[in-house]
Amino acid sequence: MTKKASNNLLEAIQAELRTQMNEVTDHLAVGGCKDMNEYSRNVGIIQGLAHAERTLLDLDERIERE
């Protein structure tokens, strides 16, 4: 895979992660959680997506350096 192709792939994955994170965040922001369990689950989802995005950005930086 070329560097440009890998960058396009990483950008597409990051955009999808960000979209999912924004959807869950919007759900929280409008009071969409029916109870504390759902709230906690959604916060965990946001944390997981943020961690995945950070890992992806770190990988992208490594690819750029090499």
N, C-alpha and C. Protein backbone atom coordinates (compact mmCIF):
# COMPACT_ATOMS: atom_id res chain seq x y z
N MET A 1 0.85 -1.18 0.00
CA MET A 1 0.00 0.00 0.00
C MET A 1 0.89 1.23 0.00
N THR A 2 0.56 2.16 -0.86
CA THR A 2 1.35 3.39 -0.93
C THR A 2 1.05 4.28 0.27
N LYS A 3 1.94 5.22 0.49
CA LYS A 3 1.76 6.16 1.60
C LYS A 3 0.47 6.95 1.44
N LYS A 4 0.18 7.38 0.21
CA LYS A 4 -1.04 8.15 -0.05
C LYS A 4 -2.28 7.31 0.20
N ALA A 5 -2.25 6.06 -0.22
CA ALA A 5 -3.40 5.17 0.00
C ALA A 5 -3.61 4.92 1.48
N SER A 6 -2.51 4.72 2.22
CA SER A 6 -2.65 4.49 3.66
C SER A 6 -3.18 5.74 4.35
N ASN A 7 -2.75 6.93 3.90
CA ASN A 7 -3.27 8.18 4.47
C ASN A 7 -4.76 8.33 4.21
N ASN A 8 -5.20 8.00 2.98
CA ASN A 8 -6.62 8.08 2.66
C ASN A 8 -7.43 7.12 3.51
N LEU A 9 -6.92 5.92 3.71
CA LEU A 9 -7.60 4.93 4.52
C LEU A 9 -7.69 5.40 5.97
N LEU A 10 -6.58 5.89 6.51
CA LEU A 10 -6.58 6.37 7.89
C LEU A 10 -7.53 7.56 8.06
N GLU A 11 -7.56 8.44 7.08
CA GLU A 11 -8.47 9.59 7.14
C GLU A 11 -9.93 9.14 7.11
N ALA A 12 -10.23 8.15 6.31
CA ALA A 12 -11.60 7.63 6.23
C ALA A 12 -12.01 6.98 7.55
N ILE A 13 -11.11 6.23 8.13
CA ILE A 13 -11.40 5.60 9.43
C ILE A 13 -11.58 6.66 10.50
N GLN A 14 -10.70 7.66 10.51
CA GLN A 14 -10.82 8.73 11.51
C GLN A 14 -12.14 9.47 11.35
N ALA A 15 -12.55 9.73 10.15
CA ALA A 15 -13.83 10.43 9.92
C ALA A 15 -14.99 9.61 10.45
N GLU A 16 -14.94 8.30 10.24
CA GLU A 16 -16.01 7.44 10.75
C GLU A 16 -16.02 7.40 12.28
N LEU A 17 -14.84 7.30 12.89
CA LEU A 17 -14.76 7.32 14.35
C LEU A 17 -15.33 8.64 14.89
N ARG A 18 -14.97 9.74 14.26
CA ARG A 18 -15.43 11.06 14.70
C ARG A 18 -16.94 11.18 14.55
N THR A 19 -17.49 10.66 13.46
CA THR A 19 -18.94 10.69 13.25
C THR A 19 -19.66 9.91 14.35
N GLN A 20 -19.15 8.72 14.64
CA GLN A 20 -19.77 7.91 15.70
C GLN A 20 -19.68 8.61 17.04
N MET A 21 -18.52 9.19 17.33
CA MET A 21 -18.33 9.89 18.60
C MET A 21 -19.29 11.08 18.72
N ASN A 22 -19.45 11.82 17.64
CA ASN A 22 -20.36 12.97 17.64
C ASN A 22 -21.82 12.54 17.84
N GLU A 23 -22.20 11.43 17.24
CA GLU A 23 -23.57 10.94 17.39
C GLU A 23 -23.87 10.56 18.84
N VAL A 24 -22.94 9.87 19.48
CA VAL A 24 -23.14 9.48 20.88
C VAL A 24 -23.12 10.72 21.78
N THR A 25 -22.21 11.64 21.50
CA THR A 25 -22.13 12.87 22.28
C THR A 25 -23.42 13.68 22.15
N ASP A 26 -23.95 13.77 20.95
CA ASP A 26 -25.22 14.48 20.74
C ASP A 26 -26.34 13.82 21.54
N HIS A 27 -26.37 12.50 21.54
CA HIS A 27 -27.38 11.76 22.30
C HIS A 27 -27.30 12.13 23.79
N LEU A 28 -26.08 12.19 24.32
CA LEU A 28 -25.91 12.58 25.72
C LEU A 28 -26.34 14.03 25.95
N ALA A 29 -25.95 14.89 25.03
CA ALA A 29 -26.18 16.33 25.21
C ALA A 29 -27.66 16.70 25.25
N VAL A 30 -28.49 15.95 24.55
CA VAL A 30 -29.92 16.28 24.53
C VAL A 30 -30.70 15.49 25.58
N GLY A 31 -29.98 14.83 26.49
CA GLY A 31 -30.65 14.10 27.56
C GLY A 31 -31.29 12.80 27.09
N GLY A 32 -30.70 12.17 26.08
CA GLY A 32 -31.28 10.97 25.50
C GLY A 32 -31.13 9.70 26.32
N CYS A 33 -30.34 9.74 27.36
CA CYS A 33 -30.15 8.53 28.18
C CYS A 33 -31.30 8.38 29.16
N LYS A 34 -31.86 7.17 29.21
CA LYS A 34 -33.02 6.95 30.08
C LYS A 34 -32.64 6.67 31.53
N ASP A 35 -31.37 6.28 31.76
CA ASP A 35 -30.93 6.01 33.13
C ASP A 35 -29.41 6.12 33.21
N MET A 36 -28.90 5.97 34.42
CA MET A 36 -27.46 6.12 34.65
C MET A 36 -26.67 5.02 33.95
N ASN A 37 -27.23 3.83 33.84
CA ASN A 37 -26.53 2.75 33.14
C ASN A 37 -26.30 3.10 31.67
N GLU A 38 -27.32 3.63 31.02
CA GLU A 38 -27.17 4.02 29.62
C GLU A 38 -26.18 5.18 29.50
N TYR A 39 -26.26 6.11 30.43
CA TYR A 39 -25.32 7.24 30.43
C TYR A 39 -23.88 6.73 30.54
N SER A 40 -23.65 5.85 31.51
CA SER A 40 -22.30 5.30 31.72
C SER A 40 -21.82 4.54 30.50
N ARG A 41 -22.69 3.76 29.89
CA ARG A 41 -22.33 2.99 28.70
C ARG A 41 -21.93 3.94 27.56
N ASN A 42 -22.70 5.00 27.39
CA ASN A 42 -22.39 5.96 26.32
C ASN A 42 -21.09 6.70 26.57
N VAL A 43 -20.83 7.05 27.82
CA VAL A 43 -19.56 7.70 28.15
C VAL A 43 -18.41 6.74 27.83
N GLY A 44 -18.58 5.46 28.15
CA GLY A 44 -17.56 4.46 27.82
C GLY A 44 -17.34 4.34 26.32
N ILE A 45 -18.42 4.41 25.56
CA ILE A 45 -18.30 4.35 24.10
C ILE A 45 -17.49 5.54 23.60
N ILE A 46 -17.78 6.73 24.12
CA ILE A 46 -17.04 7.93 23.71
C ILE A 46 -15.57 7.78 24.07
N GLN A 47 -15.28 7.28 25.27
CA GLN A 47 -13.89 7.09 25.67
C GLN A 47 -13.18 6.10 24.75
N GLY A 48 -13.85 5.02 24.41
CA GLY A 48 -13.26 4.02 23.53
C GLY A 48 -13.00 4.57 22.13
N LEU A 49 -13.96 5.32 21.60
CA LEU A 49 -13.78 5.92 20.28
C LEU A 49 -12.65 6.96 20.29
N ALA A 50 -12.56 7.73 21.37
CA ALA A 50 -11.48 8.73 21.48
C ALA A 50 -10.13 8.03 21.55
N HIS A 51 -10.07 6.92 22.28
CA HIS A 51 -8.82 6.16 22.37
C HIS A 51 -8.45 5.59 20.99
N ALA A 52 -9.42 5.06 20.29
CA ALA A 52 -9.17 4.52 18.95
C ALA A 52 -8.69 5.62 18.00
N GLU A 53 -9.29 6.80 18.09
CA GLU A 53 -8.88 7.91 17.24
C GLU A 53 -7.45 8.33 17.56
N ARG A 54 -7.11 8.40 18.83
CA ARG A 54 -5.75 8.78 19.23
C ARG A 54 -4.74 7.76 18.72
N THR A 55 -5.07 6.48 18.82
CA THR A 55 -4.20 5.42 18.33
C THR A 55 -4.00 5.57 16.82
N LEU A 56 -5.07 5.87 16.12
CA LEU A 56 -5.01 6.06 14.67
C LEU A 56 -4.13 7.25 14.31
N LEU A 57 -4.28 8.35 15.03
CA LEU A 57 -3.45 9.53 14.78
C LEU A 57 -1.98 9.25 15.06
N ASP A 58 -1.71 8.50 16.12
CA ASP A 58 -0.32 8.12 16.43
C ASP A 58 0.27 7.25 15.32
N LEU A 59 -0.53 6.32 14.81
CA LEU A 59 -0.09 5.47 13.71
C LEU A 59 0.20 6.32 12.47
N ASP A 60 -0.66 7.28 12.19
CA ASP A 60 -0.46 8.16 11.05
C ASP A 60 0.84 8.93 11.19
N GLU A 61 1.15 9.41 12.38
CA GLU A 61 2.40 10.14 12.62
C GLU A 61 3.60 9.23 12.37
N ARG A 62 3.51 7.98 12.84
CA ARG A 62 4.59 7.03 12.62
C ARG A 62 4.81 6.77 11.13
N ILE A 63 3.72 6.62 10.40
CA ILE A 63 3.83 6.39 8.95
C ILE A 63 4.49 7.60 8.28
N GLU A 64 4.11 8.80 8.69
CA GLU A 64 4.68 10.02 8.10
C GLU A 64 6.19 10.12 8.36
N ARG A 65 6.64 9.69 9.53
CA ARG A 65 8.07 9.76 9.88
C ARG A 65 8.89 8.76 9.10
N GLU A 66 8.31 7.64 8.73
CA GLU A 66 9.08 6.58 8.07
C GLU A 66 9.19 6.77 6.59
